[in-house]
PDB file of N, CA and C in Angstrom:
ATOM      1  N   MET A   1      -4.787  16.745  23.164  1.00  0.00           N
ATOM      2  CA  MET A   1      -4.241  15.821  22.154  1.00  0.00           C
ATOM      3  C   MET A   1      -5.395  15.364  21.260  1.00  0.00           C
ATOM      4  N   LEU A   2      -5.031  15.380  19.950  1.00  0.00           N
ATOM      5  CA  LEU A   2      -6.042  14.944  18.937  1.00  0.00           C
ATOM      6  C   LEU A   2      -6.170  13.419  18.940  1.00  0.00           C
ATOM      7  N   CYS A   3      -7.338  13.010  18.633  1.00  0.00           N
ATOM      8  CA  CYS A   3      -7.600  11.567  18.427  1.00  0.00           C
ATOM      9  C   CYS A   3      -7.200  11.221  16.983  1.00  0.00           C
ATOM     10  N   ALA A   4      -7.240   9.941  16.653  1.00  0.00           N
ATOM     11  CA  ALA A   4      -7.019   9.535  15.274  1.00  0.00           C
ATOM     12  C   ALA A   4      -8.093   8.553  14.866  1.00  0.00           C
ATOM     13  N   TYR A   5      -8.409   8.585  13.600  1.00  0.00           N
ATOM     14  CA  TYR A   5      -9.475   7.753  13.065  1.00  0.00           C
ATOM     15  C   TYR A   5      -8.957   6.919  11.895  1.00  0.00           C
ATOM     16  N   ILE A   6      -9.178   5.649  11.947  1.00  0.00           N
ATOM     17  CA  ILE A   6      -8.907   4.792  10.768  1.00  0.00           C
ATOM     18  C   ILE A   6     -10.235   4.596  10.070  1.00  0.00           C
ATOM     19  N   ILE A   7     -10.197   4.880   8.801  1.00  0.00           N
ATOM     20  CA  ILE A   7     -11.362   4.693   7.883  1.00  0.00           C
ATOM     21  C   ILE A   7     -10.992   3.579   6.945  1.00  0.00           C
ATOM     22  N   ALA A   8     -11.815   2.567   6.885  1.00  0.00           N
ATOM     23  CA  ALA A   8     -11.534   1.421   6.017  1.00  0.00           C
ATOM     24  C   ALA A   8     -12.811   1.140   5.185  1.00  0.00           C
ATOM     25  N   THR A   9     -12.569   0.820   3.931  1.00  0.00           N
ATOM     26  CA  THR A   9     -13.633   0.323   3.088  1.00  0.00           C
ATOM     27  C   THR A   9     -13.269  -1.086   2.629  1.00  0.00           C
ATOM     28  N   ILE A  10     -14.237  -1.992   2.641  1.00  0.00           N
ATOM     29  CA  ILE A  10     -13.964  -3.369   2.432  1.00  0.00           C
ATOM     30  C   ILE A  10     -14.920  -3.987   1.383  1.00  0.00           C
ATOM     31  N   LYS A  11     -14.385  -4.796   0.541  1.00  0.00           N
ATOM     32  CA  LYS A  11     -15.218  -5.588  -0.391  1.00  0.00           C
ATOM     33  C   LYS A  11     -14.952  -7.026  -0.079  1.00  0.00           C
ATOM     34  N   VAL A  12     -15.904  -7.721   0.498  1.00  0.00           N
ATOM     35  CA  VAL A  12     -15.767  -9.084   0.967  1.00  0.00           C
ATOM     36  C   VAL A  12     -16.137 -10.054  -0.161  1.00  0.00           C
ATOM     37  N   HIS A  13     -15.255 -11.033  -0.457  1.00  0.00           N
ATOM     38  CA  HIS A  13     -15.503 -12.024  -1.482  1.00  0.00           C
ATOM     39  C   HIS A  13     -15.973 -13.366  -0.897  1.00  0.00           C
ATOM     40  N   ASP A  14     -15.648 -13.603   0.382  1.00  0.00           N
ATOM     41  CA  ASP A  14     -16.042 -14.842   1.053  1.00  0.00           C
ATOM     42  C   ASP A  14     -16.474 -14.552   2.480  1.00  0.00           C
ATOM     43  N   ALA A  15     -17.791 -14.331   2.648  1.00  0.00           N
ATOM     44  CA  ALA A  15     -18.268 -13.862   3.926  1.00  0.00           C
ATOM     45  C   ALA A  15     -17.997 -14.834   5.080  1.00  0.00           C
ATOM     46  N   GLU A  16     -18.073 -16.121   4.783  1.00  0.00           N
ATOM     47  CA  GLU A  16     -17.824 -17.149   5.831  1.00  0.00           C
ATOM     48  C   GLU A  16     -16.378 -17.040   6.362  1.00  0.00           C
ATOM     49  N   LYS A  17     -15.429 -17.000   5.442  1.00  0.00           N
ATOM     50  CA  LYS A  17     -14.019 -16.919   5.858  1.00  0.00           C
ATOM     51  C   LYS A  17     -13.690 -15.576   6.445  1.00  0.00           C
ATOM     52  N   TYR A  18     -14.432 -14.512   6.069  1.00  0.00           N
ATOM     53  CA  TYR A  18     -14.198 -13.166   6.580  1.00  0.00           C
ATOM     54  C   TYR A  18     -14.450 -13.104   8.080  1.00  0.00           C
ATOM     55  N   GLU A  19     -15.277 -14.006   8.612  1.00  0.00           N
ATOM     56  CA  GLU A  19     -15.546 -14.021  10.063  1.00  0.00           C
ATOM     57  C   GLU A  19     -14.268 -14.245  10.849  1.00  0.00           C
ATOM     58  N   GLU A  20     -13.357 -15.045  10.345  1.00  0.00           N
ATOM     59  CA  GLU A  20     -12.070 -15.267  11.065  1.00  0.00           C
ATOM     60  C   GLU A  20     -11.280 -13.987  11.090  1.00  0.00           C
ATOM     61  N   TYR A  21     -11.236 -13.240   9.990  1.00  0.00           N
ATOM     62  CA  TYR A  21     -10.586 -11.931   9.966  1.00  0.00           C
ATOM     63  C   TYR A  21     -11.163 -11.064  11.041  1.00  0.00           C
ATOM     64  N   LYS A  22     -12.502 -10.939  11.091  1.00  0.00           N
ATOM     65  CA  LYS A  22     -13.166 -10.098  12.051  1.00  0.00           C
ATOM     66  C   LYS A  22     -12.818 -10.464  13.498  1.00  0.00           C
ATOM     67  N   ARG A  23     -12.765 -11.777  13.775  1.00  0.00           N
ATOM     68  CA  ARG A  23     -12.422 -12.252  15.096  1.00  0.00           C
ATOM     69  C   ARG A  23     -11.037 -11.773  15.479  1.00  0.00           C
ATOM     70  N   LEU A  24     -10.087 -11.961  14.605  1.00  0.00           N
ATOM     71  CA  LEU A  24      -8.704 -11.602  14.884  1.00  0.00           C
ATOM     72  C   LEU A  24      -8.518 -10.112  14.933  1.00  0.00           C
ATOM     73  N   ALA A  25      -9.190  -9.365  14.054  1.00  0.00           N
ATOM     74  CA  ALA A  25      -9.137  -7.909  14.050  1.00  0.00           C
ATOM     75  C   ALA A  25      -9.671  -7.342  15.345  1.00  0.00           C
ATOM     76  N   ASN A  26     -10.770  -7.932  15.859  1.00  0.00           N
ATOM     77  CA  ASN A  26     -11.339  -7.434  17.103  1.00  0.00           C
ATOM     78  C   ASN A  26     -10.364  -7.573  18.276  1.00  0.00           C
ATOM     79  N   ILE A  27      -9.600  -8.633  18.261  1.00  0.00           N
ATOM     80  CA  ILE A  27      -8.572  -8.809  19.327  1.00  0.00           C
ATOM     81  C   ILE A  27      -7.625  -7.629  19.326  1.00  0.00           C
ATOM     82  N   ALA A  28      -7.122  -7.285  18.107  1.00  0.00           N
ATOM     83  CA  ALA A  28      -6.156  -6.198  17.946  1.00  0.00           C
ATOM     84  C   ALA A  28      -6.824  -4.861  18.286  1.00  0.00           C
ATOM     85  N   ILE A  29      -8.062  -4.687  17.854  1.00  0.00           N
ATOM     86  CA  ILE A  29      -8.770  -3.425  18.116  1.00  0.00           C
ATOM     87  C   ILE A  29      -8.925  -3.203  19.621  1.00  0.00           C
ATOM     88  N   LYS A  30      -9.322  -4.233  20.372  1.00  0.00           N
ATOM     89  CA  LYS A  30      -9.481  -4.089  21.771  1.00  0.00           C
ATOM     90  C   LYS A  30      -8.156  -3.822  22.490  1.00  0.00           C
ATOM     91  N   LEU A  31      -7.111  -4.537  22.031  1.00  0.00           N
ATOM     92  CA  LEU A  31      -5.796  -4.378  22.648  1.00  0.00           C
ATOM     93  C   LEU A  31      -5.257  -2.983  22.506  1.00  0.00           C
ATOM     94  N   HIS A  32      -5.581  -2.359  21.366  1.00  0.00           N
ATOM     95  CA  HIS A  32      -5.060  -0.984  21.102  1.00  0.00           C
ATOM     96  C   HIS A  32      -6.031   0.111  21.423  1.00  0.00           C
ATOM     97  N   ARG A  33      -7.082  -0.217  22.297  1.00  0.00           N
ATOM     98  CA  ARG A  33      -7.982   0.769  22.844  1.00  0.00           C
ATOM     99  C   ARG A  33      -8.756   1.575  21.807  1.00  0.00           C
ATOM    100  N   ALA A  34      -9.102   0.906  20.694  1.00  0.00           N
ATOM    101  CA  ALA A  34      -9.883   1.530  19.652  1.00  0.00           C
ATOM    102  C   ALA A  34     -11.346   1.394  19.937  1.00  0.00           C
ATOM    103  N   GLU A  35     -12.133   2.268  19.393  1.00  0.00           N
ATOM    104  CA  GLU A  35     -13.603   2.247  19.536  1.00  0.00           C
ATOM    105  C   GLU A  35     -14.224   2.262  18.147  1.00  0.00           C
ATOM    106  N   PHE A  36     -15.168   1.309  17.945  1.00  0.00           N
ATOM    107  CA  PHE A  36     -15.926   1.354  16.697  1.00  0.00           C
ATOM    108  C   PHE A  36     -16.891   2.523  16.692  1.00  0.00           C
ATOM    109  N   LEU A  37     -16.852   3.358  15.658  1.00  0.00           N
ATOM    110  CA  LEU A  37     -17.838   4.421  15.456  1.00  0.00           C
ATOM    111  C   LEU A  37     -18.793   4.042  14.386  1.00  0.00           C
ATOM    112  N   VAL A  38     -18.263   3.363  13.389  1.00  0.00           N
ATOM    113  CA  VAL A  38     -19.091   2.855  12.257  1.00  0.00           C
ATOM    114  C   VAL A  38     -18.623   1.417  11.922  1.00  0.00           C
ATOM    115  N   ARG A  39     -19.607   0.597  11.760  1.00  0.00           N
ATOM    116  CA  ARG A  39     -19.285  -0.782  11.263  1.00  0.00           C
ATOM    117  C   ARG A  39     -20.526  -1.239  10.551  1.00  0.00           C
ATOM    118  N   GLY A  40     -20.552  -1.111   9.205  1.00  0.00           N
ATOM    119  CA  GLY A  40     -21.739  -1.413   8.540  1.00  0.00           C
ATOM    120  C   GLY A  40     -21.597  -1.570   7.023  1.00  0.00           C
ATOM    121  N   SER A  41     -22.742  -1.923   6.435  1.00  0.00           N
ATOM    122  CA  SER A  41     -22.733  -2.235   5.026  1.00  0.00           C
ATOM    123  C   SER A  41     -23.813  -1.494   4.242  1.00  0.00           C
ATOM    124  N   LYS A  42     -24.246  -0.365   4.774  1.00  0.00           N
ATOM    125  CA  LYS A  42     -25.326   0.410   4.126  1.00  0.00           C
ATOM    126  C   LYS A  42     -24.913   1.787   3.785  1.00  0.00           C
ATOM    127  N   ALA A  43     -23.703   1.935   3.246  1.00  0.00           N
ATOM    128  CA  ALA A  43     -23.199   3.283   2.837  1.00  0.00           C
ATOM    129  C   ALA A  43     -23.988   3.738   1.585  1.00  0.00           C
ATOM    130  N   GLN A  44     -24.316   4.988   1.556  1.00  0.00           N
ATOM    131  CA  GLN A  44     -24.989   5.602   0.418  1.00  0.00           C
ATOM    132  C   GLN A  44     -24.229   6.840  -0.047  1.00  0.00           C
ATOM    133  N   ALA A  45     -23.921   6.900  -1.330  1.00  0.00           N
ATOM    134  CA  ALA A  45     -23.189   8.035  -1.837  1.00  0.00           C
ATOM    135  C   ALA A  45     -24.106   9.290  -1.824  1.00  0.00           C
ATOM    136  N   LEU A  46     -23.590  10.379  -1.294  1.00  0.00           N
ATOM    137  CA  LEU A  46     -24.294  11.668  -1.325  1.00  0.00           C
ATOM    138  C   LEU A  46     -23.805  12.564  -2.410  1.00  0.00           C
ATOM    139  N   GLU A  47     -22.512  12.418  -2.752  1.00  0.00           N
ATOM    140  CA  GLU A  47     -21.871  13.145  -3.892  1.00  0.00           C
ATOM    141  C   GLU A  47     -20.883  12.183  -4.519  1.00  0.00           C
ATOM    142  N   GLY A  48     -20.798  12.159  -5.819  1.00  0.00           N
ATOM    143  CA  GLY A  48     -19.858  11.302  -6.501  1.00  0.00           C
ATOM    144  C   GLY A  48     -20.363   9.855  -6.496  1.00  0.00           C
ATOM    145  N   ASN A  49     -19.412   8.944  -6.590  1.00  0.00           N
ATOM    146  CA  ASN A  49     -19.774   7.504  -6.711  1.00  0.00           C
ATOM    147  C   ASN A  49     -19.336   6.695  -5.538  1.00  0.00           C
ATOM    148  N   TRP A  50     -18.879   7.318  -4.438  1.00  0.00           N
ATOM    149  CA  TRP A  50     -18.307   6.595  -3.329  1.00  0.00           C
ATOM    150  C   TRP A  50     -19.384   5.954  -2.494  1.00  0.00           C
ATOM    151  N   ALA A  51     -19.593   4.635  -2.646  1.00  0.00           N
ATOM    152  CA  ALA A  51     -20.578   3.881  -1.884  1.00  0.00           C
ATOM    153  C   ALA A  51     -19.956   2.523  -1.628  1.00  0.00           C
ATOM    154  N   PRO A  52     -18.986   2.393  -0.704  1.00  0.00           N
ATOM    155  CA  PRO A  52     -18.366   1.098  -0.507  1.00  0.00           C
ATOM    156  C   PRO A  52     -19.352   0.022   0.003  1.00  0.00           C
ATOM    157  N   ALA A  53     -19.032  -1.191  -0.293  1.00  0.00           N
ATOM    158  CA  ALA A  53     -19.873  -2.316   0.124  1.00  0.00           C
ATOM    159  C   ALA A  53     -19.925  -2.416   1.642  1.00  0.00           C
ATOM    160  N   ARG A  54     -18.826  -2.130   2.297  1.00  0.00           N
ATOM    161  CA  ARG A  54     -18.737  -2.221   3.749  1.00  0.00           C
ATOM    162  C   ARG A  54     -17.746  -1.127   4.205  1.00  0.00           C
ATOM    163  N   MET A  55     -18.063  -0.504   5.344  1.00  0.00           N
ATOM    164  CA  MET A  55     -17.172   0.534   5.852  1.00  0.00           C
ATOM    165  C   MET A  55     -17.006   0.390   7.348  1.00  0.00           C
ATOM    166  N   VAL A  56     -15.779   0.720   7.841  1.00  0.00           N
ATOM    167  CA  VAL A  56     -15.468   0.728   9.279  1.00  0.00           C
ATOM    168  C   VAL A  56     -14.794   2.025   9.590  1.00  0.00           C
ATOM    169  N   LEU A  57     -15.167   2.612  10.714  1.00  0.00           N
ATOM    170  CA  LEU A  57     -14.511   3.802  11.246  1.00  0.00           C
ATOM    171  C   LEU A  57     -14.107   3.488  12.681  1.00  0.00           C
ATOM    172  N   LEU A  58     -12.823   3.541  12.975  1.00  0.00           N
ATOM    173  CA  LEU A  58     -12.317   3.286  14.264  1.00  0.00           C
ATOM    174  C   LEU A  58     -11.730   4.547  14.876  1.00  0.00           C
ATOM    175  N   LYS A  59     -11.950   4.809  16.172  1.00  0.00           N
ATOM    176  CA  LYS A  59     -11.363   5.923  16.867  1.00  0.00           C
ATOM    177  C   LYS A  59     -10.274   5.440  17.821  1.00  0.00           C
ATOM    178  N   PHE A  60      -9.104   6.069  17.735  1.00  0.00           N
ATOM    179  CA  PHE A  60      -7.978   5.769  18.587  1.00  0.00           C
ATOM    180  C   PHE A  60      -7.628   6.956  19.425  1.00  0.00           C
ATOM    181  N   PRO A  61      -7.004   6.760  20.581  1.00  0.00           N
ATOM    182  CA  PRO A  61      -6.647   7.905  21.435  1.00  0.00           C
ATOM    183  C   PRO A  61      -5.608   8.804  20.860  1.00  0.00           C
ATOM    184  N   SER A  62      -4.847   8.320  19.895  1.00  0.00           N
ATOM    185  CA  SER A  62      -3.818   9.157  19.277  1.00  0.00           C
ATOM    186  C   SER A  62      -3.395   8.590  17.922  1.00  0.00           C
ATOM    187  N   LEU A  63      -2.715   9.381  17.128  1.00  0.00           N
ATOM    188  CA  LEU A  63      -2.178   8.889  15.879  1.00  0.00           C
ATOM    189  C   LEU A  63      -1.165   7.774  16.114  1.00  0.00           C
ATOM    190  N   GLU A  64      -0.373   7.895  17.149  1.00  0.00           N
ATOM    191  CA  GLU A  64       0.580   6.866  17.502  1.00  0.00           C
ATOM    192  C   GLU A  64      -0.120   5.550  17.802  1.00  0.00           C
ATOM    193  N   ALA A  65      -1.246   5.603  18.490  1.00  0.00           N
ATOM    194  CA  ALA A  65      -1.990   4.380  18.819  1.00  0.00           C
ATOM    195  C   ALA A  65      -2.556   3.742  17.556  1.00  0.00           C
ATOM    196  N   ALA A  66      -3.021   4.552  16.664  1.00  0.00           N
ATOM    197  CA  ALA A  66      -3.521   3.990  15.389  1.00  0.00           C
ATOM    198  C   ALA A  66      -2.449   3.282  14.578  1.00  0.00           C
ATOM    199  N   HIS A  67      -1.239   3.911  14.545  1.00  0.00           N
ATOM    200  CA  HIS A  67      -0.150   3.298  13.844  1.00  0.00           C
ATOM    201  C   HIS A  67       0.337   1.992  14.584  1.00  0.00           C
ATOM    202  N   ALA A  68       0.304   2.064  15.906  1.00  0.00           N
ATOM    203  CA  ALA A  68       0.689   0.884  16.685  1.00  0.00           C
ATOM    204  C   ALA A  68      -0.229  -0.290  16.398  1.00  0.00           C
ATOM    205  N   PHE A  69      -1.530   0.025  16.307  1.00  0.00           N
ATOM    206  CA  PHE A  69      -2.486  -1.064  15.933  1.00  0.00           C
ATOM    207  C   PHE A  69      -2.171  -1.601  14.565  1.00  0.00           C
ATOM    208  N   ASN A  70      -2.010  -0.739  13.554  1.00  0.00           N
ATOM    209  CA  ASN A  70      -1.809  -1.176  12.178  1.00  0.00           C
ATOM    210  C   ASN A  70      -0.495  -1.973  12.052  1.00  0.00           C
ATOM    211  N   ASP A  71       0.511  -1.625  12.851  1.00  0.00           N
ATOM    212  CA  ASP A  71       1.820  -2.329  12.737  1.00  0.00           C
ATOM    213  C   ASP A  71       1.931  -3.457  13.710  1.00  0.00           C
ATOM    214  N   SER A  72       0.914  -3.768  14.475  1.00  0.00           N
ATOM    215  CA  SER A  72       1.033  -4.775  15.518  1.00  0.00           C
ATOM    216  C   SER A  72       1.065  -6.197  14.999  1.00  0.00           C
ATOM    217  N   PRO A  73       1.666  -7.141  15.713  1.00  0.00           N
ATOM    218  CA  PRO A  73       1.642  -8.526  15.327  1.00  0.00           C
ATOM    219  C   PRO A  73       0.231  -9.089  15.356  1.00  0.00           C
ATOM    220  N   GLU A  74      -0.626  -8.558  16.240  1.00  0.00           N
ATOM    221  CA  GLU A  74      -1.990  -9.054  16.364  1.00  0.00           C
ATOM    222  C   GLU A  74      -2.748  -8.696  15.087  1.00  0.00           C
ATOM    223  N   TYR A  75      -2.587  -7.476  14.609  1.00  0.00           N
ATOM    224  CA  TYR A  75      -3.319  -7.108  13.387  1.00  0.00           C
ATOM    225  C   TYR A  75      -2.691  -7.751  12.168  1.00  0.00           C
ATOM    226  N   ALA A  76      -1.387  -8.050  12.243  1.00  0.00           N
ATOM    227  CA  ALA A  76      -0.754  -8.787  11.104  1.00  0.00           C
ATOM    228  C   ALA A  76      -1.405 -10.137  10.924  1.00  0.00           C
ATOM    229  N   LEU A  77      -1.764 -10.813  12.022  1.00  0.00           N
ATOM    230  CA  LEU A  77      -2.477 -12.072  11.916  1.00  0.00           C
ATOM    231  C   LEU A  77      -3.839 -11.925  11.233  1.00  0.00           C
ATOM    232  N   ALA A  78      -4.515 -10.852  11.611  1.00  0.00           N
ATOM    233  CA  ALA A  78      -5.833 -10.623  10.988  1.00  0.00           C
ATOM    234  C   ALA A  78      -5.660 -10.328   9.508  1.00  0.00           C
ATOM    235  N   ARG A  79      -4.718  -9.467   9.163  1.00  0.00           N
ATOM    236  CA  ARG A  79      -4.446  -9.133   7.796  1.00  0.00           C
ATOM    237  C   ARG A  79      -4.103 -10.400   6.981  1.00  0.00           C
ATOM    238  N   GLN A  80      -3.327 -11.271   7.542  1.00  0.00           N
ATOM    239  CA  GLN A  80      -3.005 -12.528   6.879  1.00  0.00           C
ATOM    240  C   GLN A  80      -4.292 -13.389   6.666  1.00  0.00           C
ATOM    241  N   ALA A  81      -5.157 -13.426   7.596  1.00  0.00           N
ATOM    242  CA  ALA A  81      -6.419 -14.171   7.490  1.00  0.00           C
ATOM    243  C   ALA A  81      -7.348 -13.562   6.437  1.00  0.00           C
ATOM    244  N   ARG A  82      -7.225 -12.285   6.134  1.00  0.00           N
ATOM    245  CA  ARG A  82      -8.059 -11.614   5.194  1.00  0.00           C
ATOM    246  C   ARG A  82      -7.593 -11.802   3.743  1.00  0.00           C
ATOM    247  N   ARG A  83      -6.313 -12.153   3.626  1.00  0.00           N
ATOM    248  CA  ARG A  83      -5.689 -12.283   2.254  1.00  0.00           C
ATOM    249  C   ARG A  83      -6.472 -13.234   1.381  1.00  0.00           C
ATOM    250  N   GLY A  84      -6.883 -12.709   0.220  1.00  0.00           N
ATOM    251  CA  GLY A  84      -7.598 -13.548  -0.769  1.00  0.00           C
ATOM    252  C   GLY A  84      -9.104 -13.616  -0.562  1.00  0.00           C
ATOM    253  N   ILE A  85      -9.612 -13.113   0.556  1.00  0.00           N
ATOM    254  CA  ILE A  85     -11.038 -13.215   0.805  1.00  0.00           C
ATOM    255  C   ILE A  85     -11.758 -11.835   0.820  1.00  0.00           C
ATOM    256  N   ALA A  86     -10.953 -10.779   0.908  1.00  0.00           N
ATOM    257  CA  ALA A  86     -11.532  -9.433   0.961  1.00  0.00           C
ATOM    258  C   ALA A  86     -10.466  -8.442   0.497  1.00  0.00           C
ATOM    259  N   GLU A  87     -10.986  -7.330  -0.081  1.00  0.00           N
ATOM    260  CA  GLU A  87     -10.092  -6.232  -0.496  1.00  0.00           C
ATOM    261  C   GLU A  87     -10.385  -5.091   0.469  1.00  0.00           C
ATOM    262  N   MET A  88      -9.331  -4.435   0.927  1.00  0.00           N
ATOM    263  CA  MET A  88      -9.506  -3.351   1.885  1.00  0.00           C
ATOM    264  C   MET A  88      -8.671  -2.177   1.528  1.00  0.00           C
ATOM    265  N   GLU A  89      -9.213  -0.978   1.654  1.00  0.00           N
ATOM    266  CA  GLU A  89      -8.535   0.300   1.568  1.00  0.00           C
ATOM    267  C   GLU A  89      -8.672   0.951   2.907  1.00  0.00           C
ATOM    268  N   MET A  90      -7.545   1.457   3.448  1.00  0.00           N
ATOM    269  CA  MET A  90      -7.562   1.968   4.814  1.00  0.00           C
ATOM    270  C   MET A  90      -6.665   3.235   4.845  1.00  0.00           C
ATOM    271  N   THR A  91      -7.186   4.250   5.564  1.00  0.00           N
ATOM    272  CA  THR A  91      -6.421   5.447   5.790  1.00  0.00           C
ATOM    273  C   THR A  91      -6.569   5.891   7.251  1.00  0.00           C
ATOM    274  N   VAL A  92      -5.652   6.713   7.721  1.00  0.00           N
ATOM    275  CA  VAL A  92      -5.728   7.247   9.060  1.00  0.00           C
ATOM    276  C   VAL A  92      -5.701   8.762   8.986  1.00  0.00           C
ATOM    277  N   VAL A  93      -6.444   9.401   9.875  1.00  0.00           N
ATOM    278  CA  VAL A  93      -6.494  10.840   9.900  1.00  0.00           C
ATOM    279  C   VAL A  93      -6.659  11.339  11.372  1.00  0.00           C
ATOM    280  N   GLU A  94      -5.971  12.418  11.684  1.00  0.00           N
ATOM    281  CA  GLU A  94      -6.182  13.000  13.034  1.00  0.00           C
ATOM    282  C   GLU A  94      -7.389  13.881  13.043  1.00  0.00           C
ATOM    283  N   GLY A  95      -8.017  13.944  14.160  1.00  0.00           N
ATOM    284  CA  GLY A  95      -9.269  14.819  14.282  1.00  0.00           C
ATOM    285  C   GLY A  95      -9.584  15.036  15.724  1.00  0.00           C
ATOM    286  N   LEU A  96     -10.733  15.656  15.942  1.00  0.00           N
ATOM    287  CA  LEU A  96     -11.183  15.995  17.291  1.00  0.00           C
ATOM    288  C   LEU A  96     -11.738  14.793  17.997  1.00  0.00           C
TER     289      LEU A  96
END
């Protein structure tokens, strides 16, 4: 079975309030058996202009688990806490 990866890029506007989003997101991440592979703010473009301010890469046991995380009430609380304090782009992809 293939794993799934959620890739997120984030632009934080209020670092202090963003801590609450991180706290709530971590609850959902643990509940859905995800593993942080990348969590950082030092992305450097190698080609093109893609150098997000912050990037997160999560590994899930399956595509279904990644979707369950994204659609969960636990992550909905985190998403609500993030509203207005950070911009996020997120995608999911299957892989090895």
